[in-house]
């Protein structure tokens, strides 16, 4: 049975919200992030992207590329408010909604066609309702599967709508660069080029034996995607078995301090979400993906459950340093997750008591309140960063393996 899948993606969400709420920012390059020495860009407006600015870039680098950019700390509660409104629209269309992040999701509307009309009509309705409800624009791709829907949503960004049908798969995909396939980045692009493969069409028509022999385990998967084949289902987000945060970078990261800064921000978000949900975790997992799409995961199990930022940070940093000392490679994606969830950890933590733990608990509560009022980017643990810096002087490789992206 043919499926009808939508990929809906709010356009430059964080910066668009800032421009929506502050008319003085409209049409200007805007960066959401911190302004400190080690601050990293969380989001860049389309105006800033035109100068080469992008997420995960050090703010100092972004400001060198675009000195006129306006840096705002961000307003997390406002982002969550608007995201909730948008996802309520999604869920009014279909119960099969798979959130990918705060600002994008896959929707399986196969079962909604009889009541709501053709998929393109459903997509148009979503775009109209999102704009009327929030004032934001959203790009939607319509296709028979998730891979094609994701590609379609990017064709006419921002504020776009595109459809890929079974009949138009090859004419749409074939001219696209092979890097349009998720997992084929700058590093692996050269491997494809050595085989004379520059476009998706060339990959689709390449001999299976060659692809498997020269491109490793990911090669056959990439070739299936090039043919428009993707059988993954849309998986609704039900009861969470873990709490995590990950980020894919437009350019592979090679600077260890930059990666640590991103990781620290992710740990802050994971710990805060645990406390918000009144959950605690015992296992901390680090996920790292490289330019050739190879992915590794490493886990560390704590002696007892925790929702403390400091505990999670120590575990994540231990995993990261153990890996980076011996086998560092440019990083395309990094993420941290907390699993083996239980109820709130306050009772267990009291057993281990001590003034230091109570102090850390107070810091967490204070940071949660500040983040709730002013956004997650408004607060950063200088102490943790400083400890990272001192450890890095002895634990990072002798030389940086490459220049900063």
Protein backbone atom coordinates (compact mmCIF):
# COMPACT_ATOMS: atom_id res chain seq x y z
CA UNK A 1 0.00 0.00 0.00
CA UNK A 2 1.34 3.40 -0.97
CA UNK A 3 1.95 5.74 1.94
CA UNK A 4 1.56 9.50 2.17
CA UNK A 5 4.21 11.06 4.39
CA UNK A 6 4.73 14.72 5.24
CA UNK A 7 7.89 16.30 6.59
CA UNK A 8 7.06 19.62 8.21
CA UNK A 9 9.88 21.96 9.23
CA UNK A 10 9.50 25.42 10.74
CA UNK A 11 11.77 27.86 8.91
CA UNK A 12 14.79 29.03 10.97
CA UNK A 13 12.59 28.53 14.02
CA UNK A 14 14.48 30.21 16.87
CA UNK A 15 15.50 33.27 14.89
CA UNK A 16 12.11 33.51 13.18
CA UNK A 17 10.46 33.67 16.61
CA UNK A 18 12.83 36.46 17.64
CA UNK A 19 12.06 38.38 14.45
CA UNK A 20 8.33 37.76 14.91
CA UNK A 21 8.34 39.15 18.43
CA UNK A 22 10.73 42.02 17.73
CA UNK A 23 9.94 43.82 14.46
CA UNK A 24 13.27 45.68 14.67
CA UNK A 25 15.04 42.37 13.93
CA UNK A 26 13.13 41.60 10.75
CA UNK A 27 15.25 41.51 7.62
CA UNK A 28 18.44 41.64 9.69
CA UNK A 29 21.04 38.93 10.38
CA UNK A 30 20.20 37.41 13.77
CA UNK A 31 22.08 34.84 15.83
CA UNK A 32 20.56 33.03 18.79
CA UNK A 33 23.22 32.04 21.29
CA UNK A 34 25.55 33.36 23.93
CA UNK A 35 28.06 36.17 23.71
CA UNK A 36 30.79 34.82 25.97
CA UNK A 37 34.27 33.81 24.88
CA UNK A 38 33.23 30.18 24.41
CA UNK A 39 29.68 30.83 23.21
CA UNK A 40 28.29 28.82 20.30
CA UNK A 41 25.58 29.80 17.82
CA UNK A 42 22.34 27.88 18.49
CA UNK A 43 20.58 29.21 15.38
CA UNK A 44 21.18 31.65 12.53
CA UNK A 45 18.57 33.54 10.55
CA UNK A 46 18.49 33.24 6.77
CA UNK A 47 20.00 36.73 6.58
CA UNK A 48 22.95 35.55 8.71
CA UNK A 49 23.29 32.29 6.78
CA UNK A 50 23.91 34.31 3.64
CA UNK A 51 27.23 35.35 5.25
CA UNK A 52 28.19 31.75 6.08
CA UNK A 53 26.95 31.69 9.67
CA UNK A 54 25.43 28.45 10.93
CA UNK A 55 24.51 26.59 14.10
CA UNK A 56 27.31 25.11 16.26
CA UNK A 57 29.70 27.77 14.96
CA UNK A 58 31.53 29.72 17.67
CA UNK A 59 29.80 33.07 18.06
CA UNK A 60 33.12 34.87 17.67
CA UNK A 61 33.64 33.24 14.26
CA UNK A 62 30.09 34.08 13.18
CA UNK A 63 30.59 37.72 14.13
CA UNK A 64 33.78 37.86 12.08
CA UNK A 65 31.84 36.59 9.08
CA UNK A 66 28.94 38.94 9.75
CA UNK A 67 29.95 41.82 12.06
CA UNK A 68 26.50 43.40 11.76
CA UNK A 69 24.75 40.31 13.12
CA UNK A 70 22.58 40.84 16.17
CA UNK A 71 23.06 38.26 18.93
CA UNK A 72 20.11 37.43 21.17
CA UNK A 73 20.15 35.01 24.09
CA UNK A 74 16.93 33.32 23.09
CA UNK A 75 13.64 32.71 24.85
CA UNK A 76 13.17 29.01 25.51
CA UNK A 77 9.71 29.27 27.04
CA UNK A 78 8.47 31.17 24.01
CA UNK A 79 9.91 28.57 21.64
CA UNK A 80 8.20 25.80 23.60
CA UNK A 81 4.91 27.69 23.60
CA UNK A 82 4.86 28.08 19.82
CA UNK A 83 6.15 24.55 19.23
CA UNK A 84 3.28 23.19 21.32
CA UNK A 85 0.77 25.11 19.19
CA UNK A 86 2.30 23.77 15.99
CA UNK A 87 2.34 20.16 17.18
CA UNK A 88 -1.29 20.47 18.23
CA UNK A 89 -2.03 21.33 14.60
CA UNK A 90 -0.07 18.27 13.45
CA UNK A 91 -1.94 16.01 15.86
CA UNK A 92 -5.31 17.36 14.74
CA UNK A 93 -4.48 15.99 11.28
CA UNK A 94 -3.13 12.56 12.25
CA UNK A 95 -2.17 10.71 15.43
CA UNK A 96 0.91 9.35 13.65
CA UNK A 97 3.34 12.20 14.32
CA UNK A 98 7.05 11.56 14.84
CA UNK A 99 8.79 14.58 16.40
CA UNK A 100 12.36 15.06 15.24
CA UNK A 101 13.01 18.17 17.29
CA UNK A 102 11.16 21.14 18.71
CA UNK A 103 10.54 22.49 15.19
CA UNK A 104 10.10 19.55 12.81
CA UNK A 105 8.25 16.28 12.48
CA UNK A 106 7.18 13.50 10.15
CA UNK A 107 3.44 12.91 9.72
CA UNK A 108 1.85 9.81 8.20
CA UNK A 109 -1.40 11.11 6.70
CA UNK A 110 -2.26 7.93 4.78
CA UNK A 111 -5.26 7.31 7.02
CA UNK A 112 -6.40 10.95 6.92
CA UNK A 113 -6.97 11.22 3.17
CA UNK A 114 -10.57 10.02 3.21
CA UNK A 115 -11.59 12.72 5.70
CA UNK A 116 -9.21 15.58 4.91
CA UNK A 117 -8.47 15.28 1.20
CA UNK A 118 -5.33 14.67 -0.80
CA UNK A 119 -1.92 14.92 0.91
CA UNK A 120 -1.09 18.19 -0.86
CA UNK A 121 -4.35 19.68 0.44
CA UNK A 122 -3.50 18.53 3.96
CA UNK A 123 -0.05 20.10 3.62
CA UNK A 124 -1.53 23.39 2.41
CA UNK A 125 -3.96 23.39 5.32
CA UNK A 126 -1.15 22.82 7.83
CA UNK A 127 0.90 25.68 6.41
CA UNK A 128 -2.07 28.04 6.50
CA UNK A 129 -3.08 27.09 10.04
CA UNK A 130 0.48 27.36 11.37
CA UNK A 131 0.85 30.85 9.94
CA UNK A 132 -2.56 31.98 11.17
CA UNK A 133 -1.98 30.56 14.65
CA UNK A 134 1.64 31.52 15.25
CA UNK A 135 2.68 34.01 12.58
CA UNK A 136 5.49 31.65 11.54
CA UNK A 137 6.16 30.01 8.19
CA UNK A 138 6.66 26.30 7.74
CA UNK A 139 7.97 24.27 4.82
CA UNK A 140 6.30 20.95 4.04
CA UNK A 141 7.39 18.10 1.81
CA UNK A 142 4.93 15.46 0.58
CA UNK A 143 6.15 12.05 -0.60
CA UNK A 144 5.67 8.29 -0.35
CA UNK A 145 8.33 7.89 2.38
CA UNK A 146 10.35 9.73 5.01
CA UNK A 147 13.55 10.21 3.00
CA UNK A 148 11.72 11.72 0.03
CA UNK A 149 9.47 13.86 2.24
CA UNK A 150 12.53 15.31 3.98
CA UNK A 151 14.14 16.12 0.63
CA UNK A 152 10.91 17.64 -0.65
CA UNK A 153 10.57 19.96 2.34
CA UNK A 154 13.98 21.45 1.51
CA UNK A 155 13.29 22.08 -2.18
CA UNK A 156 11.38 25.35 -1.81
CA UNK A 157 12.57 26.56 1.61
CA UNK A 158 11.70 28.87 3.23
CA UNK A 159 7.89 28.93 3.33
CA UNK A 160 7.72 26.23 0.69
CA UNK A 161 5.66 23.26 -0.39
CA UNK A 162 6.90 20.50 -2.68
CA UNK A 163 5.57 17.11 -3.71
CA UNK A 164 7.47 14.05 -4.88
CA UNK A 165 5.22 11.35 -6.33
CA UNK A 166 6.19 7.78 -7.27
CA UNK A 167 6.20 8.94 -10.90
CA UNK A 168 8.55 11.88 -10.30
CA UNK A 169 11.09 10.26 -7.96
CA UNK A 170 13.89 9.78 -10.48
CA UNK A 171 13.46 13.06 -12.35
CA UNK A 172 13.54 14.89 -9.01
CA UNK A 173 16.39 13.00 -7.36
CA UNK A 174 18.72 12.16 -10.25
CA UNK A 175 20.13 15.70 -10.80
CA UNK A 176 20.68 16.31 -7.09
CA UNK A 177 24.23 16.14 -5.72
CA UNK A 178 25.01 12.90 -3.93
CA UNK A 179 25.49 14.94 -0.74
CA UNK A 180 21.71 15.42 -0.66
CA UNK A 181 21.60 11.91 0.78
CA UNK A 182 21.86 12.15 4.54
CA UNK A 183 25.13 10.55 5.53
CA UNK A 184 27.10 11.59 2.47
CA UNK A 185 29.11 14.57 3.64
CA UNK A 186 32.22 16.42 2.59
CA UNK A 187 34.58 13.63 3.63
CA UNK A 188 32.71 10.72 2.03
CA UNK A 189 31.86 12.85 -1.02
CA UNK A 190 35.44 12.39 -2.20
CA UNK A 191 35.09 8.61 -2.04
CA UNK A 192 32.02 8.78 -4.28
CA UNK A 193 33.78 11.21 -6.63
CA UNK A 194 36.67 8.77 -7.12
CA UNK A 195 34.09 6.33 -8.47
CA UNK A 196 32.72 8.95 -10.85
CA UNK A 197 29.62 9.42 -8.70
CA UNK A 198 28.62 13.05 -8.25
CA UNK A 199 24.83 12.94 -8.48
CA UNK A 200 22.10 10.78 -6.98
CA UNK A 201 21.30 9.47 -10.45
CA UNK A 202 24.86 8.27 -10.94
CA UNK A 203 24.72 6.48 -7.59
CA UNK A 204 21.39 4.86 -8.48
CA UNK A 205 22.81 3.49 -11.73
CA UNK A 206 26.15 2.33 -10.32
CA UNK A 207 26.78 -1.45 -10.14
CA UNK A 208 25.78 -2.99 -6.81
CA UNK A 209 29.07 -4.88 -6.54
CA UNK A 210 31.11 -1.70 -6.94
CA UNK A 211 29.11 0.17 -4.32
CA UNK A 212 29.37 -2.61 -1.77
CA UNK A 213 33.07 -3.18 -2.39
CA UNK A 214 34.19 0.45 -2.41
CA UNK A 215 31.77 2.26 -0.13
CA UNK A 216 31.40 -0.15 2.75
CA UNK A 217 28.26 -1.05 4.66
CA UNK A 218 26.59 2.32 4.10
CA UNK A 219 26.96 2.10 0.32
CA UNK A 220 24.03 -0.26 -0.39
CA UNK A 221 21.83 1.75 1.97
CA UNK A 222 22.72 4.98 0.16
CA UNK A 223 21.98 3.30 -3.18
CA UNK A 224 18.51 2.29 -1.98
CA UNK A 225 17.85 5.87 -0.92
CA UNK A 226 19.08 7.05 -4.33
CA UNK A 227 16.38 4.85 -5.85
CA UNK A 228 13.82 6.50 -3.58
CA UNK A 229 13.39 3.44 -1.36
CA UNK A 230 12.87 4.00 2.36
CA UNK A 231 10.69 1.60 4.35
CA UNK A 232 11.06 3.25 7.74
CA UNK A 233 7.71 3.83 9.45
CA UNK A 234 6.66 7.08 11.07
CA UNK A 235 6.94 6.30 14.78
CA UNK A 236 4.78 8.37 17.13
CA UNK A 237 6.50 9.60 20.29
CA UNK A 238 4.71 7.80 23.10
CA UNK A 239 6.14 7.18 26.56
CA UNK A 240 9.77 8.21 26.55
CA UNK A 241 12.22 5.50 27.63
CA UNK A 242 15.07 7.98 27.55
CA UNK A 243 15.72 11.70 27.45
CA UNK A 244 18.26 12.92 24.94
CA UNK A 245 19.48 15.70 22.74
CA UNK A 246 21.62 15.51 19.62
CA UNK A 247 22.76 17.86 16.91
CA UNK A 248 23.90 17.38 13.32
CA UNK A 249 26.38 19.96 12.05
CA UNK A 250 26.42 21.49 8.60
CA UNK A 251 30.22 21.16 8.64
CA UNK A 252 32.10 18.43 10.50
CA UNK A 253 33.57 19.72 13.76
CA UNK A 254 37.29 19.30 14.35
CA UNK A 255 37.86 21.61 17.33
CA UNK A 256 37.73 19.70 20.63
CA UNK A 257 36.82 22.75 22.71
CA UNK A 258 33.95 23.55 20.36
CA UNK A 259 32.66 19.98 20.60
CA UNK A 260 32.89 20.07 24.40
CA UNK A 261 30.94 23.33 24.47
CA UNK A 262 28.18 21.79 22.35
CA UNK A 263 28.16 18.68 24.54
CA UNK A 264 27.89 20.76 27.71
CA UNK A 265 24.87 22.57 26.30
CA UNK A 266 23.26 19.24 25.47
CA UNK A 267 23.90 17.92 28.98
CA UNK A 268 22.28 21.05 30.43
CA UNK A 269 19.17 20.45 28.32
CA UNK A 270 18.95 16.73 29.12
CA UNK A 271 19.34 17.32 32.86
CA UNK A 272 16.78 20.12 32.83
CA UNK A 273 14.28 17.94 30.97
CA UNK A 274 14.78 15.15 33.50
CA UNK A 275 14.02 17.53 36.34
CA UNK A 276 11.01 18.97 34.50
CA UNK A 277 9.63 15.45 34.01
CA UNK A 278 10.55 14.56 37.62
CA UNK A 279 12.63 11.65 36.37
CA UNK A 280 16.13 10.44 37.13
CA UNK A 281 18.49 8.36 35.01
CA UNK A 282 21.18 5.82 35.69
CA UNK A 283 22.78 5.31 32.26
CA UNK A 284 24.36 8.11 30.23
CA UNK A 285 25.03 7.42 26.55
CA UNK A 286 27.14 9.42 24.13
CA UNK A 287 26.47 9.12 20.39
CA UNK A 288 29.00 10.30 17.82
CA UNK A 289 28.64 10.16 14.04
CA UNK A 290 31.49 10.84 11.63
CA UNK A 291 31.63 12.29 8.14
CA UNK A 292 31.39 8.85 6.51
CA UNK A 293 28.18 8.15 8.49
CA UNK A 294 29.85 5.63 10.80
CA UNK A 295 28.23 5.98 14.20
CA UNK A 296 29.51 4.92 17.61
CA UNK A 297 27.75 4.89 20.95
CA UNK A 298 29.37 4.60 24.35
CA UNK A 299 27.50 4.28 27.64
CA UNK A 300 28.37 4.80 31.29
CA UNK A 301 26.21 3.46 34.12
CA UNK A 302 26.20 5.45 37.34
CA UNK A 303 26.12 3.97 40.82
CA UNK A 304 22.72 5.53 41.44
CA UNK A 305 20.05 7.44 39.55
CA UNK A 306 20.49 11.17 39.09
CA UNK A 307 18.94 14.25 37.55
CA UNK A 308 21.91 16.45 38.45
CA UNK A 309 23.65 18.34 35.68
CA UNK A 310 27.06 17.86 37.28
CA UNK A 311 26.68 14.07 37.49
CA UNK A 312 25.55 13.75 33.89
CA UNK A 313 28.27 16.12 32.70
CA UNK A 314 31.00 14.13 34.44
CA UNK A 315 29.76 10.90 32.88
CA UNK A 316 29.42 12.38 29.38
CA UNK A 317 32.81 14.07 29.60
CA UNK A 318 34.45 10.86 30.81
CA UNK A 319 33.10 9.01 27.77
CA UNK A 320 34.11 11.80 25.38
CA UNK A 321 37.65 12.17 26.72
CA UNK A 322 38.22 8.40 26.67
CA UNK A 323 37.27 8.33 23.00
CA UNK A 324 38.96 11.55 21.83
CA UNK A 325 42.33 10.67 23.36
CA UNK A 326 42.69 7.54 21.25
CA UNK A 327 40.63 7.82 18.07
CA UNK A 328 39.52 11.38 17.36
CA UNK A 329 37.94 12.04 13.96
CA UNK A 330 35.92 15.00 12.64
CA UNK A 331 32.43 14.89 14.12
CA UNK A 332 29.24 15.29 12.09
CA UNK A 333 26.75 14.58 14.89
CA UNK A 334 27.01 14.38 18.64
CA UNK A 335 24.33 13.60 21.15
CA UNK A 336 23.84 12.65 24.77
CA UNK A 337 20.97 10.69 26.28
CA UNK A 338 19.91 9.54 29.72
CA UNK A 339 18.14 6.20 30.15
CA UNK A 340 17.11 3.63 32.75
CA UNK A 341 14.66 6.23 33.97
CA UNK A 342 13.04 6.13 37.40
CA UNK A 343 11.08 8.57 39.52
CA UNK A 344 12.58 11.77 40.93
CA UNK A 345 15.97 11.16 42.52
CA UNK A 346 15.68 13.47 45.54
CA UNK A 347 15.05 10.59 47.97
CA UNK A 348 17.95 8.52 46.75
CA UNK A 349 20.26 11.50 46.64
CA UNK A 350 19.56 12.32 50.27
CA UNK A 351 21.13 8.98 51.20
CA UNK A 352 24.40 10.30 49.85
CA UNK A 353 23.72 13.75 51.30
CA UNK A 354 26.54 16.15 51.90
CA UNK A 355 26.80 19.89 51.53
CA UNK A 356 28.35 19.65 48.07
CA UNK A 357 25.38 17.72 46.64
CA UNK A 358 22.92 20.11 48.27
CA UNK A 359 24.86 23.00 46.78
CA UNK A 360 24.72 21.43 43.31
CA UNK A 361 21.00 20.80 43.74
CA UNK A 362 20.52 24.47 44.54
CA UNK A 363 22.53 25.48 41.47
CA UNK A 364 20.36 23.23 39.29
CA UNK A 365 17.15 24.69 40.69
CA UNK A 366 18.38 28.23 40.20
CA UNK A 367 19.52 27.55 36.64
CA UNK A 368 16.17 25.90 35.85
CA UNK A 369 14.33 29.00 37.02
CA UNK A 370 16.56 31.31 34.99
CA UNK A 371 16.22 29.11 31.90
CA UNK A 372 12.45 29.01 32.35
CA UNK A 373 12.24 32.79 32.50
CA UNK A 374 14.87 33.80 29.98
CA UNK A 375 15.52 30.76 27.78
CA UNK A 376 18.03 27.89 27.91
CA UNK A 377 20.82 29.92 26.28
CA UNK A 378 20.68 32.54 29.04
CA UNK A 379 22.68 30.50 31.53
CA UNK A 380 25.92 28.56 31.32
CA UNK A 381 27.97 26.74 33.94
CA UNK A 382 31.24 28.63 33.90
CA UNK A 383 32.68 26.32 36.54
CA UNK A 384 32.07 23.24 34.44
CA UNK A 385 33.54 24.90 31.38
CA UNK A 386 36.62 25.94 33.32
CA UNK A 387 37.08 22.39 34.61
CA UNK A 388 36.75 21.14 31.05
CA UNK A 389 39.40 23.59 29.93
CA UNK A 390 41.86 22.50 32.59
CA UNK A 391 41.30 18.80 31.84
CA UNK A 392 41.60 19.41 28.11
CA UNK A 393 45.12 20.76 28.51
CA UNK A 394 46.29 17.27 29.48
CA UNK A 395 43.74 15.01 27.84
CA UNK A 396 43.22 16.23 24.31
CA UNK A 397 45.43 15.00 21.44
CA UNK A 398 48.76 16.73 21.01
CA UNK A 399 47.51 18.51 17.93
CA UNK A 400 44.10 19.46 16.64
CA UNK A 401 43.26 17.02 13.82
CA UNK A 402 42.32 19.63 11.28
CA UNK A 403 41.23 23.23 11.07
CA UNK A 404 38.01 24.60 12.48
CA UNK A 405 34.97 24.15 10.25
